[in-house]
Amino acid sequence: MYTYNEFDEAFVRSRVAQFRGQVEKRLDGSLTEDEFRPLRLMNGLYLQLHAYMLRVAIPYGTLDSRKMRQLAHIAETWDRGYGHFTTRQNIQYNWPKLKDVPDMLDALADVGMHAIQTSGNCIRNVTSDHFAAAAADEIEDPRPTAELMRQWSTDHPEFQFLPRKFKIAITGAPNDRAVVKSHDIGIRMVRGDNGEVGYEISVGGGLGRSPFVGKVIREFLPKADLLPYLESIMQVYNLSGRRDNKYKARIKILVHETGLDEIRAEVEELFPQIREEFTHPSDELLAAIEPHFAPPAFVEKPLGDYEAALAADPLLRSFVETNVVAHKHPSYAIVTISLKPVGGTPGDATAEQMRVMADIAERYSHDELRISHEQNVILPHVAKADLPAVHAALRDAGLGTANVGLISDIIACPGMDYCALATARSIPIAQEISTRFNELKLEHEIGQMKIKISGCINACGHHHVGHIGILGLDRAGVENYQITLGGDGAETMTLGERAGPGFSAEELVPALERLIDAYLKVRRDRQESFLEAYRRLGVAPFKAALYPDQAKDAA
């Protein structure tokens, strides 16, 4: 894990001191809210419906027990005792007082964390595969590359005032767990014809009001060329991206309107010149970063009573089946801690739960935790022999829900409970769905099911790539929920198709029950997932279930 050097420490502390002065001027009236707004956004501070919100960066989703305990301390000291983990692998505090924010930022700096570039029209927090360095299918750990991009993009003088916010994601495995093609730039680590590890680069992905799947601009880029190639893309976007209309200012619109071939030609023309300007090739810079990400010293632990415990404890067995996946080391496993208890708020964790996760990570996971874009927490390196003890500790803290990948493992944005941009509620809808399908005892029968909910067209809940996506809108003062079907955020990324007219909040869960019932009737067998059945059969049987009156009229 990367740790701050002297430059990092000095840079972050100076930013905190600078912002402390800006906050003092806002509090004494020297700065108006309009004058203060761009200054607070540069430091991750938003003004939401009821209070300020501080968004803290967790670069590429990686942290240790010390950082997690500090996040818990901040939640208890200056907020309401909890934090909200987001789809950007960040954590948000929803209730800070403005006067306390500089102290919160100082506390973050104490453990090598900050809130810089978590908002504004700049390159945001670089996200990555939450199973990095642990996954059995991984080509190479993507986090050193993510750290290199973080260092390059932080306070980059040319890219602080882009046409619009800019998001980059990277995965090191053929199975995409970072939704890379939904990003402005998406990067996959791949092997070239000679076995050399390099990058496939995509551009122009994005969700929101105009969703697009990213397009491959370079099939193979050598490691040495990464930063100059990214800088070439950024310069083309910075010069040509629209600034007259914020809804058309993302690079996805530039790629769509200009065409990939022309954008590629501009980038490739610029690239040799920019490469000459870089003092060091990117692979040399990576070589200095990689030792920070050396794998832990894995040990062969005898399984002991693990198999017997698994056979004797149905709760442990259920947890292992849903929340545990294969590790690259045969004696270890990757454990996902669900932050989606039945009826809970997706992504929330109390300060005490954060401390429990920190304690477990320190004792059982080589002091590593990861935050996933699916709003869960990962213990990446757990010896199989320790799984019963880990499960017991999680259960005692209310963190043992065995539902990862199931229908109640819902991604949901904050919606109208917090966000000033939202047009409908998300959290109560997620809670109602979770509670209802728990009552029906159908989760395991349904199998893999990704439901994603957004409370407005900005799509922070990633509804476009949900197997079932739900978009909340305002229709003449009434909340209305549109359903999309067939979305996929994996390496086969697909945007969901709108099924038809929206549903009221009261109608939504019954409609989902009809939809799920139809799936259970038409699937080939229990191994065929909803997404597979949808791709095989198309929308017709599912649309008929959602809109039975329309189906009767058509008959």
Protein backbone atom coordinates (compact mmCIF):
# COMPACT_ATOMS: atom_id res chain seq x y z
CA MET A 1 0.00 0.00 0.00
CA TYR A 2 1.34 3.41 -0.95
CA THR A 3 2.34 5.69 1.92
CA TYR A 4 2.91 9.43 1.78
CA ASN A 5 6.40 10.78 1.21
CA GLU A 6 7.54 14.21 2.40
CA PHE A 7 6.15 15.93 -0.68
CA ASP A 8 2.71 14.32 -0.26
CA GLU A 9 2.57 15.26 3.40
CA ALA A 10 3.57 18.88 2.76
CA PHE A 11 1.17 19.23 -0.17
CA VAL A 12 -1.87 17.91 1.70
CA ARG A 13 -1.11 19.92 4.85
CA SER A 14 -0.76 23.12 2.85
CA ARG A 15 -4.11 22.48 1.18
CA VAL A 16 -5.76 21.95 4.57
CA ALA A 17 -4.26 25.18 5.91
CA GLN A 18 -5.37 27.06 2.81
CA PHE A 19 -8.91 25.71 3.11
CA ARG A 20 -9.04 26.50 6.83
CA GLY A 21 -8.48 30.14 5.94
CA GLN A 22 -11.18 30.00 3.27
CA VAL A 23 -13.67 28.48 5.73
CA GLU A 24 -12.92 31.22 8.26
CA LYS A 25 -13.64 33.85 5.60
CA ARG A 26 -16.92 32.15 4.69
CA LEU A 27 -17.97 32.00 8.34
CA ASP A 28 -17.21 35.67 8.98
CA GLY A 29 -18.95 36.72 5.76
CA SER A 30 -15.84 37.78 3.85
CA LEU A 31 -16.74 35.20 1.20
CA THR A 32 -20.23 34.75 -0.18
CA GLU A 33 -21.56 31.25 -0.88
CA ASP A 34 -21.10 31.83 -4.61
CA GLU A 35 -17.45 32.81 -4.01
CA PHE A 36 -16.91 29.92 -1.59
CA ARG A 37 -18.49 27.24 -3.80
CA PRO A 38 -15.54 26.58 -6.16
CA LEU A 39 -13.14 26.63 -3.22
CA ARG A 40 -15.08 24.04 -1.20
CA LEU A 41 -15.61 21.81 -4.24
CA MET A 42 -11.84 21.67 -4.76
CA ASN A 43 -11.71 20.11 -1.29
CA GLY A 44 -14.56 17.63 -1.65
CA LEU A 45 -17.19 19.64 0.22
CA TYR A 46 -20.72 19.71 -1.19
CA LEU A 47 -23.85 21.49 -0.01
CA GLN A 48 -26.70 18.99 -0.07
CA LEU A 49 -30.37 19.22 0.86
CA HIS A 50 -29.97 19.49 4.62
CA ALA A 51 -26.29 19.99 5.34
CA TYR A 52 -22.79 19.97 3.94
CA MET A 53 -21.36 16.65 2.77
CA LEU A 54 -17.64 15.81 2.78
CA ARG A 55 -16.47 13.24 0.23
CA VAL A 56 -13.18 11.56 1.15
CA ALA A 57 -10.99 9.83 -1.42
CA ILE A 58 -10.01 6.21 -0.94
CA PRO A 59 -7.68 5.86 -3.93
CA TYR A 60 -8.35 2.67 -5.89
CA GLY A 61 -10.42 1.50 -2.91
CA THR A 62 -7.44 0.42 -0.79
CA LEU A 63 -6.96 1.15 2.91
CA ASP A 64 -5.63 -0.43 6.09
CA SER A 65 -6.86 -0.74 9.66
CA ARG A 66 -5.29 2.57 10.74
CA LYS A 67 -7.12 4.47 8.02
CA MET A 68 -10.41 2.68 8.70
CA ARG A 69 -10.18 3.46 12.42
CA GLN A 70 -9.56 7.12 11.60
CA LEU A 71 -12.65 7.15 9.38
CA ALA A 72 -14.58 5.79 12.36
CA HIS A 73 -13.11 8.46 14.65
CA ILE A 74 -14.10 11.22 12.20
CA ALA A 75 -17.65 9.83 11.97
CA GLU A 76 -18.04 9.88 15.75
CA THR A 77 -16.30 13.17 16.43
CA TRP A 78 -17.65 15.46 13.71
CA ASP A 79 -20.61 13.64 12.12
CA ARG A 80 -23.47 11.40 13.26
CA GLY A 81 -21.54 8.23 13.90
CA TYR A 82 -21.59 6.62 10.47
CA GLY A 83 -20.19 6.96 6.96
CA HIS A 84 -21.54 6.13 3.53
CA PHE A 85 -19.35 4.16 1.09
CA THR A 86 -20.00 5.10 -2.52
CA THR A 87 -19.84 3.69 -6.04
CA ARG A 88 -16.64 5.71 -6.56
CA GLN A 89 -14.81 3.81 -3.78
CA ASN A 90 -15.06 6.92 -1.58
CA ILE A 91 -16.64 7.55 1.80
CA GLN A 92 -19.06 10.41 2.42
CA TYR A 93 -19.96 12.15 5.66
CA ASN A 94 -23.44 13.61 5.35
CA TRP A 95 -23.72 15.92 8.38
CA PRO A 96 -20.49 17.86 9.08
CA LYS A 97 -20.60 21.42 10.34
CA LEU A 98 -18.65 23.83 8.16
CA LYS A 99 -16.50 25.02 11.06
CA ASP A 100 -15.37 21.41 11.69
CA VAL A 101 -14.38 20.48 8.14
CA PRO A 102 -10.76 21.74 8.37
CA ASP A 103 -10.30 19.63 11.52
CA MET A 104 -11.72 16.62 9.65
CA LEU A 105 -9.25 17.21 6.82
CA ASP A 106 -6.37 17.51 9.29
CA ALA A 107 -7.42 14.21 10.85
CA LEU A 108 -7.44 12.61 7.40
CA ALA A 109 -3.97 13.96 6.69
CA ASP A 110 -2.76 12.33 9.92
CA VAL A 111 -3.28 8.92 8.25
CA GLY A 112 -2.32 9.83 4.68
CA MET A 113 -5.81 10.60 3.36
CA HIS A 114 -7.52 13.63 1.84
CA ALA A 115 -10.60 14.89 -0.02
CA ILE A 116 -8.78 16.54 -2.93
CA GLN A 117 -10.33 16.09 -6.40
CA THR A 118 -13.37 14.19 -5.13
CA SER A 119 -15.44 16.90 -6.79
CA GLY A 120 -15.08 19.61 -9.43
CA ASN A 121 -14.24 19.51 -13.13
CA CYS A 122 -11.00 17.63 -12.71
CA ILE A 123 -9.71 14.05 -12.82
CA ARG A 124 -11.52 12.35 -9.95
CA ASN A 125 -10.49 9.49 -7.65
CA VAL A 126 -9.05 6.69 -9.82
CA THR A 127 -10.99 3.48 -9.20
CA SER A 128 -9.92 -0.12 -9.61
CA ASP A 129 -10.79 -3.78 -9.15
CA HIS A 130 -11.63 -4.34 -5.48
CA PHE A 131 -10.12 -7.85 -5.72
CA ALA A 132 -6.76 -6.48 -6.96
CA ALA A 133 -3.67 -8.51 -5.97
CA ALA A 134 -5.91 -11.30 -4.70
CA ALA A 135 -8.07 -12.47 -7.62
CA ALA A 136 -7.23 -15.83 -9.15
CA ASP A 137 -7.87 -14.53 -12.69
CA GLU A 138 -5.64 -11.47 -12.42
CA ILE A 139 -2.93 -10.74 -15.00
CA GLU A 140 -1.23 -8.14 -12.80
CA ASP A 141 -2.06 -5.93 -9.82
CA PRO A 142 -3.53 -2.72 -11.32
CA ARG A 143 -3.03 -0.59 -8.22
CA PRO A 144 0.54 0.57 -8.92
CA THR A 145 -0.74 1.92 -12.24
CA ALA A 146 -3.70 3.51 -10.44
CA GLU A 147 -1.28 5.15 -7.98
CA LEU A 148 0.86 6.42 -10.84
CA MET A 149 -2.23 8.01 -12.40
CA ARG A 150 -3.20 9.50 -9.03
CA GLN A 151 0.19 11.15 -8.67
CA TRP A 152 0.13 12.41 -12.26
CA SER A 153 -3.40 13.83 -12.07
CA THR A 154 -3.32 15.37 -8.58
CA ASP A 155 -3.24 19.15 -8.92
CA HIS A 156 -2.20 18.82 -12.57
CA PRO A 157 -2.07 22.47 -13.67
CA GLU A 158 -3.65 21.83 -17.06
CA PHE A 159 -6.51 19.62 -15.90
CA GLN A 160 -7.98 21.42 -12.90
CA PHE A 161 -10.69 23.17 -14.94
CA LEU A 162 -11.79 20.65 -17.54
CA PRO A 163 -15.05 21.03 -19.47
CA ARG A 164 -16.56 18.55 -16.99
CA LYS A 165 -15.59 16.02 -14.32
CA PHE A 166 -13.41 13.16 -15.56
CA LYS A 167 -13.30 9.57 -14.31
CA ILE A 168 -10.72 6.84 -14.88
CA ALA A 169 -10.91 3.16 -13.90
CA ILE A 170 -8.49 0.27 -14.31
CA THR A 171 -8.74 -3.50 -13.98
CA GLY A 172 -5.95 -6.04 -14.02
CA ALA A 173 -8.08 -9.06 -14.92
CA PRO A 174 -10.02 -10.23 -17.96
CA ASN A 175 -13.15 -10.36 -15.79
CA ASP A 176 -14.01 -6.70 -15.31
CA ARG A 177 -14.96 -5.86 -11.72
CA ALA A 178 -14.36 -2.11 -12.12
CA VAL A 179 -16.94 -1.30 -14.85
CA VAL A 180 -14.12 0.25 -16.88
CA LYS A 181 -16.16 0.94 -20.01
CA SER A 182 -18.55 3.18 -18.10
CA HIS A 183 -15.69 5.64 -17.52
CA ASP A 184 -14.29 8.58 -19.46
CA ILE A 185 -11.11 6.52 -19.76
CA GLY A 186 -11.21 2.80 -19.05
CA ILE A 187 -8.05 0.72 -18.81
CA ARG A 188 -7.67 -3.06 -18.95
CA MET A 189 -4.31 -4.71 -18.34
CA VAL A 190 -3.72 -7.16 -21.18
CA ARG A 191 -0.95 -9.26 -22.66
CA GLY A 192 0.51 -8.40 -26.03
CA ASP A 193 1.45 -10.92 -28.69
CA ASN A 194 4.87 -11.40 -27.09
CA GLY A 195 3.42 -11.89 -23.60
CA GLU A 196 4.32 -8.34 -22.49
CA VAL A 197 1.82 -6.78 -20.08
CA GLY A 198 0.37 -3.49 -21.28
CA TYR A 199 -2.93 -1.66 -21.48
CA GLU A 200 -6.07 -1.63 -23.58
CA ILE A 201 -7.40 1.95 -23.50
CA SER A 202 -11.07 2.86 -23.95
CA VAL A 203 -12.56 6.36 -24.12
CA GLY A 204 -15.99 7.90 -24.07
CA GLY A 205 -17.81 5.69 -21.61
CA GLY A 206 -20.27 7.15 -19.15
CA LEU A 207 -23.73 6.87 -17.68
CA GLY A 208 -25.95 9.81 -16.72
CA ARG A 209 -28.56 11.32 -19.03
CA SER A 210 -26.67 10.14 -22.15
CA PRO A 211 -25.16 6.72 -21.44
CA PHE A 212 -22.44 5.29 -23.67
CA VAL A 213 -20.23 2.20 -23.60
CA GLY A 214 -16.56 3.16 -23.88
CA LYS A 215 -14.83 2.49 -27.21
CA VAL A 216 -11.34 1.04 -27.58
CA ILE A 217 -8.95 3.73 -28.83
CA ARG A 218 -5.76 1.65 -28.37
CA GLU A 219 -5.80 -2.16 -28.27
CA PHE A 220 -2.33 -2.38 -26.76
CA LEU A 221 -0.28 0.38 -25.16
CA PRO A 222 3.16 -0.43 -23.67
CA LYS A 223 3.54 0.47 -20.01
CA ALA A 224 6.27 2.97 -20.83
CA ASP A 225 3.80 5.09 -22.81
CA LEU A 226 0.91 5.29 -20.34
CA LEU A 227 1.14 8.84 -18.98
CA PRO A 228 1.97 10.60 -22.26
CA TYR A 229 -0.85 8.74 -23.97
CA LEU A 230 -3.32 9.69 -21.23
CA GLU A 231 -2.07 13.27 -21.40
CA SER A 232 -2.67 13.25 -25.16
CA ILE A 233 -6.28 12.17 -24.64
CA MET A 234 -6.75 14.79 -21.93
CA GLN A 235 -5.36 17.59 -24.09
CA VAL A 236 -7.64 16.69 -27.00
CA TYR A 237 -10.61 16.67 -24.65
CA ASN A 238 -9.59 19.85 -22.84
CA LEU A 239 -9.28 21.75 -26.12
CA SER A 240 -12.30 20.29 -27.95
CA GLY A 241 -14.76 19.35 -25.22
CA ARG A 242 -17.83 21.55 -25.13
CA ARG A 243 -17.97 24.27 -22.50
CA ASP A 244 -21.18 25.93 -23.66
CA ASN A 245 -23.47 23.18 -22.33
CA LYS A 246 -22.59 21.18 -19.20
CA TYR A 247 -24.91 18.36 -20.29
CA LYS A 248 -22.82 17.87 -23.43
CA ALA A 249 -19.42 18.58 -21.92
CA ARG A 250 -18.27 15.02 -21.14
CA ILE A 251 -15.76 13.28 -23.39
CA LYS A 252 -18.43 10.70 -24.27
CA ILE A 253 -20.30 13.43 -26.19
CA LEU A 254 -17.09 14.54 -27.91
CA VAL A 255 -16.38 10.96 -29.03
CA HIS A 256 -20.00 10.45 -30.10
CA GLU A 257 -20.29 13.69 -32.09
CA THR A 258 -16.76 13.75 -33.54
CA GLY A 259 -16.32 10.02 -34.07
CA LEU A 260 -13.79 7.65 -32.56
CA ASP A 261 -11.59 7.54 -35.64
CA GLU A 262 -11.09 11.30 -35.70
CA ILE A 263 -10.44 11.46 -31.96
CA ARG A 264 -7.95 8.62 -32.28
CA ALA A 265 -6.16 10.43 -35.14
CA GLU A 266 -5.86 13.62 -33.04
CA VAL A 267 -4.55 11.70 -30.04
CA GLU A 268 -2.04 9.70 -32.07
CA GLU A 269 -0.77 12.85 -33.80
CA LEU A 270 -0.22 14.58 -30.47
CA PHE A 271 1.20 11.56 -28.65
CA PRO A 272 4.82 11.50 -30.01
CA GLN A 273 5.31 15.16 -29.17
CA ILE A 274 3.99 14.76 -25.63
CA ARG A 275 6.03 11.60 -25.08
CA GLU A 276 9.19 13.61 -25.82
CA GLU A 277 8.25 16.06 -23.05
CA PHE A 278 8.19 13.38 -20.33
CA THR A 279 11.48 13.07 -18.46
CA HIS A 280 10.90 9.45 -17.43
CA PRO A 281 8.95 6.70 -19.19
CA SER A 282 5.97 5.41 -17.21
CA ASP A 283 7.47 1.96 -16.61
CA GLU A 284 10.40 3.57 -14.77
CA LEU A 285 7.99 5.51 -12.56
CA LEU A 286 6.01 2.32 -11.97
CA ALA A 287 9.13 0.50 -10.88
CA ALA A 288 9.51 2.98 -8.00
CA ILE A 289 5.86 2.54 -6.96
CA GLU A 290 5.52 -1.24 -7.23
CA PRO A 291 7.47 -2.10 -4.04
CA HIS A 292 4.73 -0.32 -2.05
CA PHE A 293 2.31 -2.96 -3.35
CA ALA A 294 4.39 -6.06 -2.69
CA PRO A 295 2.07 -8.96 -1.84
CA PRO A 296 1.87 -10.06 1.80
CA ALA A 297 3.79 -13.08 2.99
CA PHE A 298 1.17 -15.77 2.46
CA VAL A 299 1.58 -18.85 4.62
CA GLU A 300 0.21 -22.35 4.23
CA LYS A 301 -2.28 -22.65 7.07
CA PRO A 302 -3.71 -26.09 7.82
CA LEU A 303 -7.48 -26.10 7.42
CA GLY A 304 -7.95 -27.51 10.89
CA ASP A 305 -11.66 -27.73 11.72
CA TYR A 306 -12.75 -25.56 8.78
CA GLU A 307 -14.45 -28.34 6.80
CA ALA A 308 -16.22 -29.62 9.89
CA ALA A 309 -17.38 -26.10 10.80
CA LEU A 310 -18.65 -25.61 7.27
CA ALA A 311 -20.64 -28.85 7.40
CA ALA A 312 -22.06 -28.11 10.85
CA ASP A 313 -22.99 -24.43 10.49
CA PRO A 314 -25.56 -23.56 7.80
CA LEU A 315 -25.06 -19.83 8.34
CA LEU A 316 -21.33 -20.14 7.72
CA ARG A 317 -22.00 -22.33 4.70
CA SER A 318 -24.41 -19.78 3.24
CA PHE A 319 -21.91 -16.97 3.89
CA VAL A 320 -19.10 -18.85 2.15
CA GLU A 321 -21.32 -19.68 -0.84
CA THR A 322 -22.28 -16.03 -1.45
CA ASN A 323 -19.60 -13.79 0.10
CA VAL A 324 -16.39 -15.75 -0.47
CA VAL A 325 -14.53 -16.26 -3.77
CA ALA A 326 -11.30 -17.94 -4.85
CA HIS A 327 -7.95 -16.34 -4.07
CA LYS A 328 -4.82 -16.71 -6.20
CA HIS A 329 -3.22 -18.52 -3.23
CA PRO A 330 -4.98 -21.87 -2.69
CA SER A 331 -4.92 -21.58 1.12
CA TYR A 332 -6.65 -18.18 1.08
CA ALA A 333 -9.99 -16.68 0.14
CA ILE A 334 -11.42 -13.24 -0.67
CA VAL A 335 -14.24 -12.20 1.66
CA THR A 336 -16.82 -9.55 0.81
CA ILE A 337 -18.49 -7.87 3.78
CA SER A 338 -22.00 -6.88 2.75
CA LEU A 339 -23.09 -3.38 3.77
CA LYS A 340 -26.61 -4.32 2.66
CA PRO A 341 -28.39 -5.83 5.68
CA VAL A 342 -32.06 -6.55 5.08
CA GLY A 343 -33.89 -3.23 5.33
CA GLY A 344 -30.67 -1.25 5.77
CA THR A 345 -29.24 1.70 3.86
CA PRO A 346 -26.92 0.38 1.13
CA GLY A 347 -23.32 1.41 1.77
CA ASP A 348 -23.69 2.73 5.32
CA ALA A 349 -21.42 1.58 8.15
CA THR A 350 -21.37 2.79 11.73
CA ALA A 351 -18.19 3.88 13.44
CA GLU A 352 -18.26 0.75 15.57
CA GLN A 353 -18.66 -1.44 12.48
CA MET A 354 -15.70 0.33 10.86
CA ARG A 355 -13.61 -0.50 13.92
CA VAL A 356 -14.70 -4.12 13.81
CA MET A 357 -13.72 -4.34 10.14
CA ALA A 358 -10.37 -2.74 10.96
CA ASP A 359 -9.76 -5.24 13.78
CA ILE A 360 -10.64 -8.21 11.55
CA ALA A 361 -8.45 -6.93 8.73
CA GLU A 362 -5.51 -6.43 11.07
CA ARG A 363 -5.84 -9.90 12.55
CA TYR A 364 -7.01 -12.00 9.61
CA SER A 365 -6.42 -10.13 6.28
CA HIS A 366 -2.81 -8.94 6.39
CA ASP A 367 -4.10 -5.51 7.46
CA GLU A 368 -5.79 -4.77 4.13
CA LEU A 369 -9.31 -3.70 3.24
CA ARG A 370 -10.87 -2.65 -0.04
CA ILE A 371 -13.97 -0.63 -0.85
CA SER A 372 -15.92 -1.90 -3.85
CA HIS A 373 -17.89 0.19 -6.34
CA GLU A 374 -20.81 -2.00 -5.25
CA GLN A 375 -20.72 -0.28 -1.83
CA ASN A 376 -19.31 -3.25 0.08
CA VAL A 377 -16.03 -3.81 1.94
CA ILE A 378 -13.52 -6.51 1.00
CA LEU A 379 -11.09 -8.53 3.11
CA PRO A 380 -8.76 -9.52 0.28
CA HIS A 381 -6.45 -12.03 1.98
CA VAL A 382 -8.15 -14.35 4.51
CA ALA A 383 -6.78 -17.82 5.22
CA LYS A 384 -9.53 -20.39 4.70
CA ALA A 385 -8.81 -21.78 8.15
CA ASP A 386 -9.81 -18.39 9.61
CA LEU A 387 -13.15 -18.09 7.82
CA PRO A 388 -15.24 -19.42 10.76
CA ALA A 389 -13.67 -16.87 13.13
CA VAL A 390 -14.06 -14.03 10.61
CA HIS A 391 -17.71 -14.94 10.00
CA ALA A 392 -18.46 -15.07 13.73
CA ALA A 393 -16.90 -11.65 14.32
CA LEU A 394 -18.82 -10.16 11.40
CA ARG A 395 -22.13 -11.64 12.59
CA ASP A 396 -21.63 -10.21 16.07
CA ALA A 397 -21.24 -6.74 14.49
CA GLY A 398 -24.28 -7.03 12.21
CA LEU A 399 -22.00 -7.47 9.19
CA GLY A 400 -22.59 -11.13 8.41
CA THR A 401 -25.37 -10.78 5.83
CA ALA A 402 -24.90 -13.54 3.24
CA ASN A 403 -26.28 -11.80 0.16
CA VAL A 404 -23.41 -10.67 -2.08
CA GLY A 405 -24.57 -10.78 -5.69
CA LEU A 406 -28.17 -11.55 -4.69
CA ILE A 407 -31.27 -9.42 -5.10
CA SER A 408 -30.84 -7.52 -1.80
CA ASP A 409 -27.21 -6.58 -2.61
CA ILE A 410 -28.54 -3.37 -4.14
CA ILE A 411 -26.53 -0.37 -5.30
CA ALA A 412 -28.42 2.82 -4.46
CA CYS A 413 -27.48 6.48 -4.56
CA PRO A 414 -28.52 8.71 -1.61
CA GLY A 415 -31.51 10.05 -3.58
CA MET A 416 -33.85 12.67 -2.15
CA ASP A 417 -32.96 11.76 1.43
CA TYR A 418 -29.73 13.74 0.97
CA CYS A 419 -28.95 14.89 -2.57
CA ALA A 420 -30.00 18.30 -3.88
CA LEU A 421 -30.01 16.98 -7.46
CA ALA A 422 -32.26 13.97 -6.83
CA THR A 423 -35.80 13.83 -8.17
CA ALA A 424 -36.92 10.72 -6.28
CA ARG A 425 -36.03 8.57 -3.30
CA SER A 426 -33.60 5.68 -3.67
CA ILE A 427 -32.86 4.46 -0.15
CA PRO A 428 -36.46 3.65 0.90
CA ILE A 429 -37.00 1.83 -2.40
CA ALA A 430 -33.90 -0.31 -1.84
CA GLN A 431 -35.00 -1.04 1.70
CA GLU A 432 -38.48 -2.07 0.57
CA ILE A 433 -37.16 -4.39 -2.14
CA SER A 434 -34.69 -5.98 0.27
CA THR A 435 -37.32 -6.49 2.95
CA ARG A 436 -39.95 -7.89 0.59
CA PHE A 437 -37.78 -10.50 -1.07
CA ASN A 438 -36.42 -11.54 2.31
CA GLU A 439 -40.02 -12.14 3.39
CA LEU A 440 -40.61 -14.24 0.28
CA LYS A 441 -37.43 -16.28 0.98
CA LEU A 442 -36.59 -16.24 -2.73
CA GLU A 443 -33.08 -14.74 -2.80
CA HIS A 444 -31.15 -17.96 -3.21
CA GLU A 445 -33.73 -19.38 -5.59
CA ILE A 446 -33.39 -16.29 -7.81
CA GLY A 447 -29.58 -16.45 -7.76
CA GLN A 448 -27.33 -13.78 -9.21
CA MET A 449 -29.25 -10.53 -9.56
CA LYS A 450 -27.85 -7.02 -9.71
CA ILE A 451 -30.41 -4.30 -8.97
CA LYS A 452 -29.14 -0.73 -9.19
CA ILE A 453 -31.17 2.35 -8.26
CA SER A 454 -30.61 6.02 -9.17
CA GLY A 455 -32.67 8.88 -7.78
CA CYS A 456 -32.14 11.04 -10.87
CA ILE A 457 -30.79 10.93 -14.41
CA ASN A 458 -27.23 11.57 -13.21
CA ALA A 459 -27.13 7.80 -12.59
CA CYS A 460 -24.92 7.71 -9.49
CA GLY A 461 -26.58 4.37 -8.71
CA HIS A 462 -25.39 2.93 -12.07
CA HIS A 463 -28.93 1.87 -13.01
CA HIS A 464 -28.01 1.66 -16.71
CA VAL A 465 -25.82 -1.39 -16.04
CA GLY A 466 -28.09 -3.18 -13.58
CA HIS A 467 -29.61 -6.50 -14.59
CA ILE A 468 -32.64 -4.62 -13.35
CA GLY A 469 -32.13 -0.86 -13.28
CA ILE A 470 -34.46 1.56 -11.51
CA LEU A 471 -34.49 5.28 -12.28
CA GLY A 472 -36.50 7.59 -10.05
CA LEU A 473 -37.97 10.68 -11.70
CA ASP A 474 -40.42 13.45 -10.84
CA ARG A 475 -43.64 13.34 -12.84
CA ALA A 476 -45.76 16.39 -12.01
CA GLY A 477 -44.69 16.27 -8.38
CA VAL A 478 -45.08 12.50 -8.02
CA GLU A 479 -42.19 10.03 -7.83
CA ASN A 480 -42.13 7.74 -10.85
CA TYR A 481 -39.78 4.80 -11.31
CA GLN A 482 -38.65 3.58 -14.72
CA ILE A 483 -37.32 0.04 -15.07
CA THR A 484 -34.52 -0.94 -17.43
CA LEU A 485 -33.65 -4.57 -18.16
CA GLY A 486 -30.57 -6.41 -19.34
CA GLY A 487 -27.82 -4.04 -18.24
CA ASP A 488 -24.38 -5.45 -17.50
CA GLY A 489 -21.35 -3.79 -15.91
CA ALA A 490 -18.87 -6.60 -16.58
CA GLU A 491 -16.44 -7.08 -19.47
CA THR A 492 -19.51 -7.64 -21.67
CA MET A 493 -20.85 -4.21 -20.70
CA THR A 494 -24.34 -3.55 -22.01
CA LEU A 495 -26.77 -0.71 -21.32
CA GLY A 496 -30.18 -1.77 -20.06
CA GLU A 497 -33.28 -1.25 -22.19
CA ARG A 498 -36.20 0.72 -20.85
CA ALA A 499 -39.08 -1.69 -20.36
CA GLY A 500 -41.94 0.82 -20.67
CA PRO A 501 -43.87 3.36 -18.59
CA GLY A 502 -42.74 4.00 -15.03
CA PHE A 503 -44.36 2.88 -11.79
CA SER A 504 -45.36 4.77 -8.68
CA ALA A 505 -43.49 3.97 -5.47
CA GLU A 506 -46.46 1.85 -4.35
CA GLU A 507 -46.59 -0.08 -7.63
CA LEU A 508 -42.87 -0.73 -8.00
CA VAL A 509 -42.26 -3.71 -5.70
CA PRO A 510 -45.37 -5.62 -6.90
CA ALA A 511 -44.14 -5.06 -10.47
CA LEU A 512 -40.72 -6.46 -9.54
CA GLU A 513 -42.41 -9.48 -7.96
CA ARG A 514 -44.21 -10.18 -11.25
CA LEU A 515 -40.96 -9.74 -13.15
CA ILE A 516 -39.04 -12.15 -10.92
CA ASP A 517 -41.87 -14.67 -11.00
CA ALA A 518 -41.79 -14.59 -14.81
CA TYR A 519 -38.04 -15.18 -14.78
CA LEU A 520 -38.35 -18.18 -12.48
CA LYS A 521 -40.93 -19.68 -14.85
CA VAL A 522 -39.03 -19.17 -18.12
CA ARG A 523 -35.44 -19.91 -17.12
CA ARG A 524 -33.97 -23.15 -18.42
CA ASP A 525 -32.74 -24.28 -15.01
CA ARG A 526 -31.40 -22.85 -11.76
CA GLN A 527 -28.02 -22.23 -13.38
CA GLU A 528 -29.43 -19.76 -15.93
CA SER A 529 -29.21 -16.27 -14.43
CA PHE A 530 -31.73 -13.52 -15.06
CA LEU A 531 -29.30 -11.78 -17.39
CA GLU A 532 -28.70 -14.98 -19.37
CA ALA A 533 -32.44 -15.62 -19.64
CA TYR A 534 -33.03 -12.05 -20.76
CA ARG A 535 -30.37 -12.32 -23.45
CA ARG A 536 -31.82 -15.60 -24.68
CA LEU A 537 -35.49 -14.62 -24.69
CA GLY A 538 -35.46 -10.86 -25.19
CA VAL A 539 -37.71 -8.35 -23.48
CA ALA A 540 -41.12 -9.81 -24.44
CA PRO A 541 -41.86 -12.24 -21.55
CA PHE A 542 -40.56 -9.76 -18.97
CA LYS A 543 -42.44 -6.81 -20.40
CA ALA A 544 -45.62 -8.89 -20.38
CA ALA A 545 -45.07 -9.57 -16.67
CA LEU A 546 -44.45 -5.91 -15.85
CA TYR A 547 -47.46 -4.68 -17.84
CA PRO A 548 -50.10 -7.45 -17.70
CA ASP A 549 -52.92 -5.11 -18.78
CA GLN A 550 -51.04 -4.19 -21.95
CA ALA A 551 -50.43 -7.88 -22.65
CA LYS A 552 -54.17 -8.58 -22.32
CA ASP A 553 -55.05 -5.73 -24.68
CA ALA A 554 -52.54 -6.98 -27.24
CA ALA A 555 -54.04 -10.48 -27.03
